[in-house]
PDB file of all heavy atoms in Angstrom:
ATOM      1  N   ALA A   1       0.891   7.062   4.619  1.00  0.00           N
ATOM      2  CA  ALA A   1       1.502   7.181   5.949  1.00  0.00           C
ATOM      3  C   ALA A   1       2.917   7.745   5.856  1.00  0.00           C
ATOM      4  O   ALA A   1       3.357   8.512   6.732  1.00  0.00           O
ATOM      5  CB  ALA A   1       1.514   5.815   6.635  1.00  0.00           C
ATOM      6  N   ARG A   2       3.648   7.394   4.821  1.00  0.00           N
ATOM      7  CA  ARG A   2       5.013   7.919   4.662  1.00  0.00           C
ATOM      8  C   ARG A   2       5.005   9.442   4.510  1.00  0.00           C
ATOM      9  O   ARG A   2       5.906  10.138   4.981  1.00  0.00           O
ATOM     10  CB  ARG A   2       5.684   7.275   3.449  1.00  0.00           C
ATOM     11  CG  ARG A   2       5.961   5.794   3.612  1.00  0.00           C
ATOM     12  CD  ARG A   2       6.677   5.234   2.401  1.00  0.00           C
ATOM     13  NE  ARG A   2       8.043   5.735   2.316  1.00  0.00           N
ATOM     14  CZ  ARG A   2       8.853   5.529   1.286  1.00  0.00           C
ATOM     15  NH1 ARG A   2       8.419   4.852   0.234  1.00  0.00           N
ATOM     16  NH2 ARG A   2      10.075   6.011   1.293  1.00  0.00           N
ATOM     17  N   LYS A   3       3.971   9.949   3.864  1.00  0.00           N
ATOM     18  CA  LYS A   3       3.860  11.396   3.706  1.00  0.00           C
ATOM     19  C   LYS A   3       3.381  12.062   4.999  1.00  0.00           C
ATOM     20  O   LYS A   3       3.715  13.212   5.281  1.00  0.00           O
ATOM     21  CB  LYS A   3       2.893  11.724   2.573  1.00  0.00           C
ATOM     22  CG  LYS A   3       3.401  11.326   1.191  1.00  0.00           C
ATOM     23  CD  LYS A   3       2.398  11.719   0.116  1.00  0.00           C
ATOM     24  CE  LYS A   3       2.898  11.342  -1.285  1.00  0.00           C
ATOM     25  NZ  LYS A   3       1.941  11.725  -2.331  1.00  0.00           N
ATOM     26  N   GLU A   4       2.582  11.325   5.776  1.00  0.00           N
ATOM     27  CA  GLU A   4       1.970  11.914   6.971  1.00  0.00           C
ATOM     28  C   GLU A   4       2.930  11.962   8.153  1.00  0.00           C
ATOM     29  O   GLU A   4       2.937  12.940   8.915  1.00  0.00           O
ATOM     30  CB  GLU A   4       0.725  11.111   7.347  1.00  0.00           C
ATOM     31  CG  GLU A   4       0.020  11.613   8.598  1.00  0.00           C
ATOM     32  CD  GLU A   4      -1.189  10.765   8.965  1.00  0.00           C
ATOM     33  OE1 GLU A   4      -1.548   9.866   8.174  1.00  0.00           O
ATOM     34  OE2 GLU A   4      -1.766  11.004  10.046  1.00  0.00           O
ATOM     35  N   PHE A   5       3.748  10.922   8.335  1.00  0.00           N
ATOM     36  CA  PHE A   5       4.560  10.807   9.543  1.00  0.00           C
ATOM     37  C   PHE A   5       6.030  11.090   9.251  1.00  0.00           C
ATOM     38  O   PHE A   5       6.548  10.741   8.188  1.00  0.00           O
ATOM     39  CB  PHE A   5       4.416   9.408  10.155  1.00  0.00           C
ATOM     40  CG  PHE A   5       3.028   9.089  10.612  1.00  0.00           C
ATOM     41  CD1 PHE A   5       2.208   8.255   9.856  1.00  0.00           C
ATOM     42  CD2 PHE A   5       2.534   9.625  11.785  1.00  0.00           C
ATOM     43  CE1 PHE A   5       0.926   7.964  10.265  1.00  0.00           C
ATOM     44  CE2 PHE A   5       1.251   9.342  12.207  1.00  0.00           C
ATOM     45  CZ  PHE A   5       0.440   8.513  11.448  1.00  0.00           C
ATOM     46  N   ASP A   6       6.661  11.713  10.227  1.00  0.00           N
ATOM     47  CA  ASP A   6       8.095  11.997  10.137  1.00  0.00           C
ATOM     48  C   ASP A   6       8.804  11.108  11.149  1.00  0.00           C
ATOM     49  O   ASP A   6       8.847  11.404  12.342  1.00  0.00           O
ATOM     50  CB  ASP A   6       8.355  13.482  10.441  1.00  0.00           C
ATOM     51  CG  ASP A   6       9.822  13.841  10.217  1.00  0.00           C
ATOM     52  OD1 ASP A   6      10.552  13.006   9.651  1.00  0.00           O
ATOM     53  OD2 ASP A   6      10.208  14.946  10.629  1.00  0.00           O
ATOM     54  N   GLY A   7       9.331   9.992  10.694  1.00  0.00           N
ATOM     55  CA  GLY A   7       9.969   9.030  11.581  1.00  0.00           C
ATOM     56  C   GLY A   7       9.758   7.633  11.051  1.00  0.00           C
ATOM     57  O   GLY A   7       9.082   7.408  10.041  1.00  0.00           O
ATOM     58  N   PRO A   8      10.315   6.645  11.715  1.00  0.00           N
ATOM     59  CA  PRO A   8      10.188   5.259  11.244  1.00  0.00           C
ATOM     60  C   PRO A   8       8.748   4.753  11.348  1.00  0.00           C
ATOM     61  O   PRO A   8       8.011   5.101  12.270  1.00  0.00           O
ATOM     62  CB  PRO A   8      11.119   4.479  12.166  1.00  0.00           C
ATOM     63  CG  PRO A   8      11.276   5.318  13.382  1.00  0.00           C
ATOM     64  CD  PRO A   8      11.168   6.741  12.923  1.00  0.00           C
ATOM     65  N   ILE A   9       8.386   3.941  10.377  1.00  0.00           N
ATOM     66  CA  ILE A   9       7.047   3.347  10.315  1.00  0.00           C
ATOM     67  C   ILE A   9       7.199   1.834  10.273  1.00  0.00           C
ATOM     68  O   ILE A   9       8.056   1.306   9.554  1.00  0.00           O
ATOM     69  CB  ILE A   9       6.278   3.837   9.071  1.00  0.00           C
ATOM     70  CG1 ILE A   9       6.015   5.345   9.162  1.00  0.00           C
ATOM     71  CG2 ILE A   9       4.961   3.086   8.916  1.00  0.00           C
ATOM     72  CD1 ILE A   9       5.403   5.920   7.907  1.00  0.00           C
ATOM     73  N   ALA A  10       6.388   1.138  11.056  1.00  0.00           N
ATOM     74  CA  ALA A  10       6.391  -0.326  11.071  1.00  0.00           C
ATOM     75  C   ALA A  10       5.131  -0.839  10.384  1.00  0.00           C
ATOM     76  O   ALA A  10       4.023  -0.394  10.694  1.00  0.00           O
ATOM     77  CB  ALA A  10       6.457  -0.851  12.504  1.00  0.00           C
ATOM     78  N   VAL A  11       5.305  -1.756   9.450  1.00  0.00           N
ATOM     79  CA  VAL A  11       4.182  -2.404   8.773  1.00  0.00           C
ATOM     80  C   VAL A  11       4.142  -3.857   9.239  1.00  0.00           C
ATOM     81  O   VAL A  11       5.107  -4.607   9.040  1.00  0.00           O
ATOM     82  CB  VAL A  11       4.326  -2.336   7.243  1.00  0.00           C
ATOM     83  CG1 VAL A  11       3.199  -3.130   6.573  1.00  0.00           C
ATOM     84  CG2 VAL A  11       4.309  -0.894   6.772  1.00  0.00           C
ATOM     85  N   VAL A  12       3.039  -4.250   9.874  1.00  0.00           N
ATOM     86  CA  VAL A  12       2.857  -5.609  10.382  1.00  0.00           C
ATOM     87  C   VAL A  12       1.814  -6.292   9.507  1.00  0.00           C
ATOM     88  O   VAL A  12       0.646  -5.888   9.478  1.00  0.00           O
ATOM     89  CB  VAL A  12       2.391  -5.600  11.852  1.00  0.00           C
ATOM     90  CG1 VAL A  12       2.213  -7.026  12.358  1.00  0.00           C
ATOM     91  CG2 VAL A  12       3.385  -4.847  12.722  1.00  0.00           C
ATOM     92  N   CYS A  13       2.247  -7.312   8.774  1.00  0.00           N
ATOM     93  CA  CYS A  13       1.335  -7.970   7.838  1.00  0.00           C
ATOM     94  C   CYS A  13       1.687  -9.446   7.740  1.00  0.00           C
ATOM     95  O   CYS A  13       2.745  -9.886   8.209  1.00  0.00           O
ATOM     96  CB  CYS A  13       1.418  -7.316   6.454  1.00  0.00           C
ATOM     97  SG  CYS A  13       3.046  -7.452   5.699  1.00  0.00           S
ATOM     98  N   GLY A  14       0.806 -10.209   7.128  1.00  0.00           N
ATOM     99  CA  GLY A  14       1.106 -11.604   6.880  1.00  0.00           C
ATOM    100  C   GLY A  14       2.367 -11.729   6.048  1.00  0.00           C
ATOM    101  O   GLY A  14       2.604 -10.953   5.114  1.00  0.00           O
ATOM    102  N   ALA A  15       3.202 -12.703   6.404  1.00  0.00           N
ATOM    103  CA  ALA A  15       4.508 -12.822   5.748  1.00  0.00           C
ATOM    104  C   ALA A  15       4.379 -12.918   4.238  1.00  0.00           C
ATOM    105  O   ALA A  15       5.230 -12.410   3.499  1.00  0.00           O
ATOM    106  CB  ALA A  15       5.233 -14.054   6.293  1.00  0.00           C
ATOM    107  N   PHE A  16       3.323 -13.518   3.758  1.00  0.00           N
ATOM    108  CA  PHE A  16       3.154 -13.714   2.321  1.00  0.00           C
ATOM    109  C   PHE A  16       3.083 -12.390   1.560  1.00  0.00           C
ATOM    110  O   PHE A  16       3.486 -12.308   0.399  1.00  0.00           O
ATOM    111  CB  PHE A  16       1.877 -14.531   2.081  1.00  0.00           C
ATOM    112  CG  PHE A  16       1.625 -14.843   0.630  1.00  0.00           C
ATOM    113  CD1 PHE A  16       2.299 -15.873   0.005  1.00  0.00           C
ATOM    114  CD2 PHE A  16       0.717 -14.103  -0.105  1.00  0.00           C
ATOM    115  CE1 PHE A  16       2.065 -16.165  -1.336  1.00  0.00           C
ATOM    116  CE2 PHE A  16       0.477 -14.383  -1.437  1.00  0.00           C
ATOM    117  CZ  PHE A  16       1.156 -15.421  -2.056  1.00  0.00           C
ATOM    118  N   HIS A  17       2.575 -11.327   2.210  1.00  0.00           N
ATOM    119  CA  HIS A  17       2.366 -10.055   1.520  1.00  0.00           C
ATOM    120  C   HIS A  17       3.608  -9.177   1.483  1.00  0.00           C
ATOM    121  O   HIS A  17       3.630  -8.175   0.763  1.00  0.00           O
ATOM    122  CB  HIS A  17       1.231  -9.276   2.193  1.00  0.00           C
ATOM    123  CG  HIS A  17      -0.089  -9.979   2.158  1.00  0.00           C
ATOM    124  ND1 HIS A  17      -0.756 -10.242   0.994  1.00  0.00           N
ATOM    125  CD2 HIS A  17      -0.858 -10.474   3.160  1.00  0.00           C
ATOM    126  CE1 HIS A  17      -1.894 -10.879   1.262  1.00  0.00           C
ATOM    127  NE2 HIS A  17      -1.976 -11.031   2.574  1.00  0.00           N
ATOM    128  N   VAL A  18       4.646  -9.498   2.252  1.00  0.00           N
ATOM    129  CA  VAL A  18       5.809  -8.614   2.358  1.00  0.00           C
ATOM    130  C   VAL A  18       6.444  -8.300   1.010  1.00  0.00           C
ATOM    131  O   VAL A  18       6.683  -7.127   0.690  1.00  0.00           O
ATOM    132  CB  VAL A  18       6.841  -9.199   3.340  1.00  0.00           C
ATOM    133  CG1 VAL A  18       8.145  -8.409   3.287  1.00  0.00           C
ATOM    134  CG2 VAL A  18       6.284  -9.178   4.758  1.00  0.00           C
ATOM    135  N   PRO A  19       6.735  -9.290   0.152  1.00  0.00           N
ATOM    136  CA  PRO A  19       7.359  -8.941  -1.128  1.00  0.00           C
ATOM    137  C   PRO A  19       6.519  -7.985  -1.958  1.00  0.00           C
ATOM    138  O   PRO A  19       7.058  -7.063  -2.591  1.00  0.00           O
ATOM    139  CB  PRO A  19       7.503 -10.305  -1.820  1.00  0.00           C
ATOM    140  CG  PRO A  19       7.516 -11.301  -0.721  1.00  0.00           C
ATOM    141  CD  PRO A  19       6.598 -10.739   0.320  1.00  0.00           C
ATOM    142  N   ALA A  20       5.199  -8.158  -1.952  1.00  0.00           N
ATOM    143  CA  ALA A  20       4.337  -7.294  -2.747  1.00  0.00           C
ATOM    144  C   ALA A  20       4.275  -5.881  -2.176  1.00  0.00           C
ATOM    145  O   ALA A  20       4.204  -4.903  -2.928  1.00  0.00           O
ATOM    146  CB  ALA A  20       2.930  -7.884  -2.821  1.00  0.00           C
ATOM    147  N   LEU A  21       4.314  -5.736  -0.858  1.00  0.00           N
ATOM    148  CA  LEU A  21       4.242  -4.407  -0.253  1.00  0.00           C
ATOM    149  C   LEU A  21       5.576  -3.675  -0.367  1.00  0.00           C
ATOM    150  O   LEU A  21       5.611  -2.439  -0.414  1.00  0.00           O
ATOM    151  CB  LEU A  21       3.823  -4.519   1.217  1.00  0.00           C
ATOM    152  CG  LEU A  21       2.456  -5.174   1.480  1.00  0.00           C
ATOM    153  CD1 LEU A  21       2.083  -5.047   2.960  1.00  0.00           C
ATOM    154  CD2 LEU A  21       1.364  -4.582   0.616  1.00  0.00           C
ATOM    155  N   GLN A  22       6.657  -4.410  -0.407  1.00  0.00           N
ATOM    156  CA  GLN A  22       7.974  -3.786  -0.566  1.00  0.00           C
ATOM    157  C   GLN A  22       8.227  -3.339  -2.009  1.00  0.00           C
ATOM    158  O   GLN A  22       9.033  -2.437  -2.244  1.00  0.00           O
ATOM    159  CB  GLN A  22       9.079  -4.764  -0.153  1.00  0.00           C
ATOM    160  CG  GLN A  22       9.216  -4.962   1.344  1.00  0.00           C
ATOM    161  CD  GLN A  22      10.307  -5.942   1.692  1.00  0.00           C
ATOM    162  OE1 GLN A  22      10.552  -6.897   0.949  1.00  0.00           O
ATOM    163  NE2 GLN A  22      10.969  -5.720   2.825  1.00  0.00           N
ATOM    164  N   ALA A  23       7.524  -3.965  -2.941  1.00  0.00           N
ATOM    165  CA  ALA A  23       7.763  -3.666  -4.355  1.00  0.00           C
ATOM    166  C   ALA A  23       7.381  -2.225  -4.669  1.00  0.00           C
ATOM    167  O   ALA A  23       6.394  -1.688  -4.144  1.00  0.00           O
ATOM    168  CB  ALA A  23       6.957  -4.625  -5.231  1.00  0.00           C
ATOM    169  N   THR A  24       8.169  -1.588  -5.513  1.00  0.00           N
ATOM    170  CA  THR A  24       7.896  -0.215  -5.941  1.00  0.00           C
ATOM    171  C   THR A  24       6.995  -0.244  -7.166  1.00  0.00           C
ATOM    172  O   THR A  24       7.366  -0.784  -8.219  1.00  0.00           O
ATOM    173  CB  THR A  24       9.206   0.517  -6.282  1.00  0.00           C
ATOM    174  OG1 THR A  24      10.058   0.490  -5.131  1.00  0.00           O
ATOM    175  CG2 THR A  24       8.934   1.951  -6.687  1.00  0.00           C
ATOM    176  N   ARG A  25       5.805   0.326  -7.008  1.00  0.00           N
ATOM    177  CA  ARG A  25       4.851   0.381  -8.115  1.00  0.00           C
ATOM    178  C   ARG A  25       4.263   1.771  -8.197  1.00  0.00           C
ATOM    179  O   ARG A  25       4.044   2.426  -7.157  1.00  0.00           O
ATOM    180  CB  ARG A  25       3.729  -0.642  -7.909  1.00  0.00           C
ATOM    181  CG  ARG A  25       4.213  -2.085  -7.893  1.00  0.00           C
ATOM    182  CD  ARG A  25       3.064  -3.063  -7.836  1.00  0.00           C
ATOM    183  NE  ARG A  25       2.165  -2.925  -8.976  1.00  0.00           N
ATOM    184  CZ  ARG A  25       1.162  -3.776  -9.234  1.00  0.00           C
ATOM    185  NH1 ARG A  25       0.942  -4.792  -8.418  1.00  0.00           N
ATOM    186  NH2 ARG A  25       0.398  -3.598 -10.277  1.00  0.00           N
ATOM    187  N   PRO A  26       3.957   2.251  -9.395  1.00  0.00           N
ATOM    188  CA  PRO A  26       3.335   3.574  -9.528  1.00  0.00           C
ATOM    189  C   PRO A  26       1.993   3.614  -8.805  1.00  0.00           C
ATOM    190  O   PRO A  26       1.216   2.648  -8.858  1.00  0.00           O
ATOM    191  CB  PRO A  26       3.163   3.736 -11.046  1.00  0.00           C
ATOM    192  CG  PRO A  26       4.142   2.781 -11.644  1.00  0.00           C
ATOM    193  CD  PRO A  26       4.234   1.630 -10.705  1.00  0.00           C
ATOM    194  N   LEU A  27       1.735   4.738  -8.119  1.00  0.00           N
ATOM    195  CA  LEU A  27       0.466   4.868  -7.400  1.00  0.00           C
ATOM    196  C   LEU A  27      -0.718   4.740  -8.338  1.00  0.00           C
ATOM    197  O   LEU A  27      -1.778   4.224  -7.953  1.00  0.00           O
ATOM    198  CB  LEU A  27       0.425   6.218  -6.673  1.00  0.00           C
ATOM    199  CG  LEU A  27       1.444   6.427  -5.545  1.00  0.00           C
ATOM    200  CD1 LEU A  27       1.256   7.803  -4.919  1.00  0.00           C
ATOM    201  CD2 LEU A  27       1.293   5.353  -4.482  1.00  0.00           C
ATOM    202  N   LYS A  28      -0.546   5.201  -9.577  1.00  0.00           N
ATOM    203  CA  LYS A  28      -1.665   5.163 -10.516  1.00  0.00           C
ATOM    204  C   LYS A  28      -2.098   3.733 -10.820  1.00  0.00           C
ATOM    205  O   LYS A  28      -3.275   3.464 -11.032  1.00  0.00           O
ATOM    206  CB  LYS A  28      -1.276   5.877 -11.813  1.00  0.00           C
ATOM    207  CG  LYS A  28      -1.156   7.385 -11.652  1.00  0.00           C
ATOM    208  CD  LYS A  28      -0.881   8.056 -12.986  1.00  0.00           C
ATOM    209  CE  LYS A  28      -0.806   9.586 -12.826  1.00  0.00           C
ATOM    210  NZ  LYS A  28      -0.533  10.268 -14.112  1.00  0.00           N
ATOM    211  N   GLU A  29      -1.143   2.802 -10.829  1.00  0.00           N
ATOM    212  CA  GLU A  29      -1.506   1.408 -11.082  1.00  0.00           C
ATOM    213  C   GLU A  29      -2.379   0.861  -9.956  1.00  0.00           C
ATOM    214  O   GLU A  29      -3.386   0.188 -10.201  1.00  0.00           O
ATOM    215  CB  GLU A  29      -0.250   0.554 -11.228  1.00  0.00           C
ATOM    216  CG  GLU A  29       0.511   0.771 -12.521  1.00  0.00           C
ATOM    217  CD  GLU A  29       1.632  -0.232 -12.679  1.00  0.00           C
ATOM    218  OE1 GLU A  29       1.628  -1.249 -11.945  1.00  0.00           O
ATOM    219  OE2 GLU A  29       2.504  -0.009 -13.534  1.00  0.00           O
ATOM    220  N   ASP A  30      -1.970   1.143  -8.721  1.00  0.00           N
ATOM    221  CA  ASP A  30      -2.779   0.676  -7.589  1.00  0.00           C
ATOM    222  C   ASP A  30      -4.135   1.359  -7.555  1.00  0.00           C
ATOM    223  O   ASP A  30      -5.155   0.729  -7.240  1.00  0.00           O
ATOM    224  CB  ASP A  30      -2.029   0.926  -6.276  1.00  0.00           C
ATOM    225  CG  ASP A  30      -0.855  -0.021  -6.090  1.00  0.00           C
ATOM    226  OD1 ASP A  30      -0.885  -1.112  -6.694  1.00  0.00           O
ATOM    227  OD2 ASP A  30       0.090   0.335  -5.359  1.00  0.00           O
ATOM    228  N   GLN A  31      -4.171   2.637  -7.865  1.00  0.00           N
ATOM    229  CA  GLN A  31      -5.445   3.342  -7.902  1.00  0.00           C
ATOM    230  C   GLN A  31      -6.358   2.773  -8.982  1.00  0.00           C
ATOM    231  O   GLN A  31      -7.579   2.690  -8.804  1.00  0.00           O
ATOM    232  CB  GLN A  31      -5.206   4.833  -8.120  1.00  0.00           C
ATOM    233  CG  GLN A  31      -4.553   5.528  -6.917  1.00  0.00           C
ATOM    234  CD  GLN A  31      -4.065   6.913  -7.235  1.00  0.00           C
ATOM    235  OE1 GLN A  31      -4.007   7.323  -8.404  1.00  0.00           O
ATOM    236  NE2 GLN A  31      -3.674   7.671  -6.201  1.00  0.00           N
ATOM    237  N   ALA A  32      -5.753   2.366 -10.105  1.00  0.00           N
ATOM    238  CA  ALA A  32      -6.549   1.777 -11.175  1.00  0.00           C
ATOM    239  C   ALA A  32      -7.147   0.440 -10.747  1.00  0.00           C
ATOM    240  O   ALA A  32      -8.286   0.106 -11.097  1.00  0.00           O
ATOM    241  CB  ALA A  32      -5.684   1.603 -12.424  1.00  0.00           C
ATOM    242  N   ILE A  33      -6.368  -0.339  -9.975  1.00  0.00           N
ATOM    243  CA  ILE A  33      -6.876  -1.630  -9.498  1.00  0.00           C
ATOM    244  C   ILE A  33      -8.090  -1.434  -8.591  1.00  0.00           C
ATOM    245  O   ILE A  33      -9.047  -2.223  -8.618  1.00  0.00           O
ATOM    246  CB  ILE A  33      -5.757  -2.387  -8.748  1.00  0.00           C
ATOM    247  CG1 ILE A  33      -4.644  -2.785  -9.718  1.00  0.00           C
ATOM    248  CG2 ILE A  33      -6.316  -3.620  -8.033  1.00  0.00           C
ATOM    249  CD1 ILE A  33      -3.446  -3.420  -9.034  1.00  0.00           C
ATOM    250  N   LEU A  34      -8.060  -0.349  -7.804  1.00  0.00           N
ATOM    251  CA  LEU A  34      -9.147  -0.100  -6.837  1.00  0.00           C
ATOM    252  C   LEU A  34     -10.267   0.755  -7.415  1.00  0.00           C
ATOM    253  O   LEU A  34     -11.228   1.058  -6.697  1.00  0.00           O
ATOM    254  CB  LEU A  34      -8.579   0.587  -5.593  1.00  0.00           C
ATOM    255  CG  LEU A  34      -7.561  -0.224  -4.784  1.00  0.00           C
ATOM    256  CD1 LEU A  34      -6.986   0.629  -3.672  1.00  0.00           C
ATOM    257  CD2 LEU A  34      -8.204  -1.477  -4.206  1.00  0.00           C
ATOM    258  N   LYS A  35     -10.163   1.134  -8.673  1.00  0.00           N
ATOM    259  CA  LYS A  35     -11.171   2.003  -9.271  1.00  0.00           C
ATOM    260  C   LYS A  35     -12.528   1.303  -9.269  1.00  0.00           C
ATOM    261  O   LYS A  35     -12.649   0.128  -9.616  1.00  0.00           O
ATOM    262  CB  LYS A  35     -10.778   2.358 -10.701  1.00  0.00           C
ATOM    263  CG  LYS A  35     -11.709   3.383 -11.334  1.00  0.00           C
ATOM    264  CD  LYS A  35     -11.240   3.777 -12.730  1.00  0.00           C
ATOM    265  CE  LYS A  35     -12.173   4.807 -13.350  1.00  0.00           C
ATOM    266  NZ  LYS A  35     -11.734   5.199 -14.720  1.00  0.00           N
ATOM    267  N   GLY A  36     -13.545   2.051  -8.863  1.00  0.00           N
ATOM    268  CA  GLY A  36     -14.891   1.490  -8.821  1.00  0.00           C
ATOM    269  C   GLY A  36     -15.137   0.545  -7.667  1.00  0.00           C
ATOM    270  O   GLY A  36     -16.107  -0.223  -7.684  1.00  0.00           O
ATOM    271  N   LEU A  37     -14.260   0.595  -6.663  1.00  0.00           N
ATOM    272  CA  LEU A  37     -14.420  -0.283  -5.507  1.00  0.00           C
ATOM    273  C   LEU A  37     -15.730   0.031  -4.786  1.00  0.00           C
ATOM    274  O   LEU A  37     -15.957   1.152  -4.339  1.00  0.00           O
ATOM    275  CB  LEU A  37     -13.243  -0.100  -4.547  1.00  0.00           C
ATOM    276  CG  LEU A  37     -13.161  -1.056  -3.357  1.00  0.00           C
ATOM    277  CD1 LEU A  37     -12.891  -2.479  -3.821  1.00  0.00           C
ATOM    278  CD2 LEU A  37     -12.069  -0.599  -2.393  1.00  0.00           C
ATOM    279  N   ALA A  38     -16.597  -0.961  -4.717  1.00  0.00           N
ATOM    280  CA  ALA A  38     -17.910  -0.745  -4.093  1.00  0.00           C
ATOM    281  C   ALA A  38     -17.754  -0.656  -2.579  1.00  0.00           C
ATOM    282  O   ALA A  38     -17.004  -1.413  -1.973  1.00  0.00           O
ATOM    283  CB  ALA A  38     -18.847  -1.889  -4.453  1.00  0.00           C
ATOM    284  N   ARG A  39     -18.472   0.289  -1.987  1.00  0.00           N
ATOM    285  CA  ARG A  39     -18.433   0.450  -0.529  1.00  0.00           C
ATOM    286  C   ARG A  39     -19.852   0.597  -0.001  1.00  0.00           C
ATOM    287  O   ARG A  39     -20.710   1.160  -0.657  1.00  0.00           O
ATOM    288  CB  ARG A  39     -17.602   1.669  -0.142  1.00  0.00           C
ATOM    289  CG  ARG A  39     -16.157   1.588  -0.644  1.00  0.00           C
ATOM    290  CD  ARG A  39     -15.256   2.507   0.125  1.00  0.00           C
ATOM    291  NE  ARG A  39     -13.886   2.480  -0.356  1.00  0.00           N
ATOM    292  CZ  ARG A  39     -12.852   2.959   0.295  1.00  0.00           C
ATOM    293  NH1 ARG A  39     -13.030   3.499   1.476  1.00  0.00           N
ATOM    294  NH2 ARG A  39     -11.643   2.901  -0.206  1.00  0.00           N
ATOM    295  N   ARG A  40     -20.041   0.083   1.194  1.00  0.00           N
ATOM    296  CA  ARG A  40     -21.340   0.204   1.856  1.00  0.00           C
ATOM    297  C   ARG A  40     -21.087   0.638   3.291  1.00  0.00           C
ATOM    298  O   ARG A  40     -20.044   0.338   3.872  1.00  0.00           O
ATOM    299  CB  ARG A  40     -22.057  -1.153   1.844  1.00  0.00           C
ATOM    300  CG  ARG A  40     -22.416  -1.620   0.454  1.00  0.00           C
ATOM    301  CD  ARG A  40     -22.468  -3.138   0.371  1.00  0.00           C
ATOM    302  NE  ARG A  40     -23.628  -3.680   1.056  1.00  0.00           N
ATOM    303  CZ  ARG A  40     -23.887  -4.987   1.106  1.00  0.00           C
ATOM    304  NH1 ARG A  40     -23.081  -5.847   0.542  1.00  0.00           N
ATOM    305  NH2 ARG A  40     -24.949  -5.424   1.740  1.00  0.00           N
TER     306      ARG A  40
END
């Protein structure tokens, strides 16, 4: 979304997730976590 939109973005989530979403992590790490994610 940061790449798609030009302007402020609001993220509304459960308070518990805020520290994890604010943390800076390489995209490759997150992609690796989701690798092989089954979908139906």
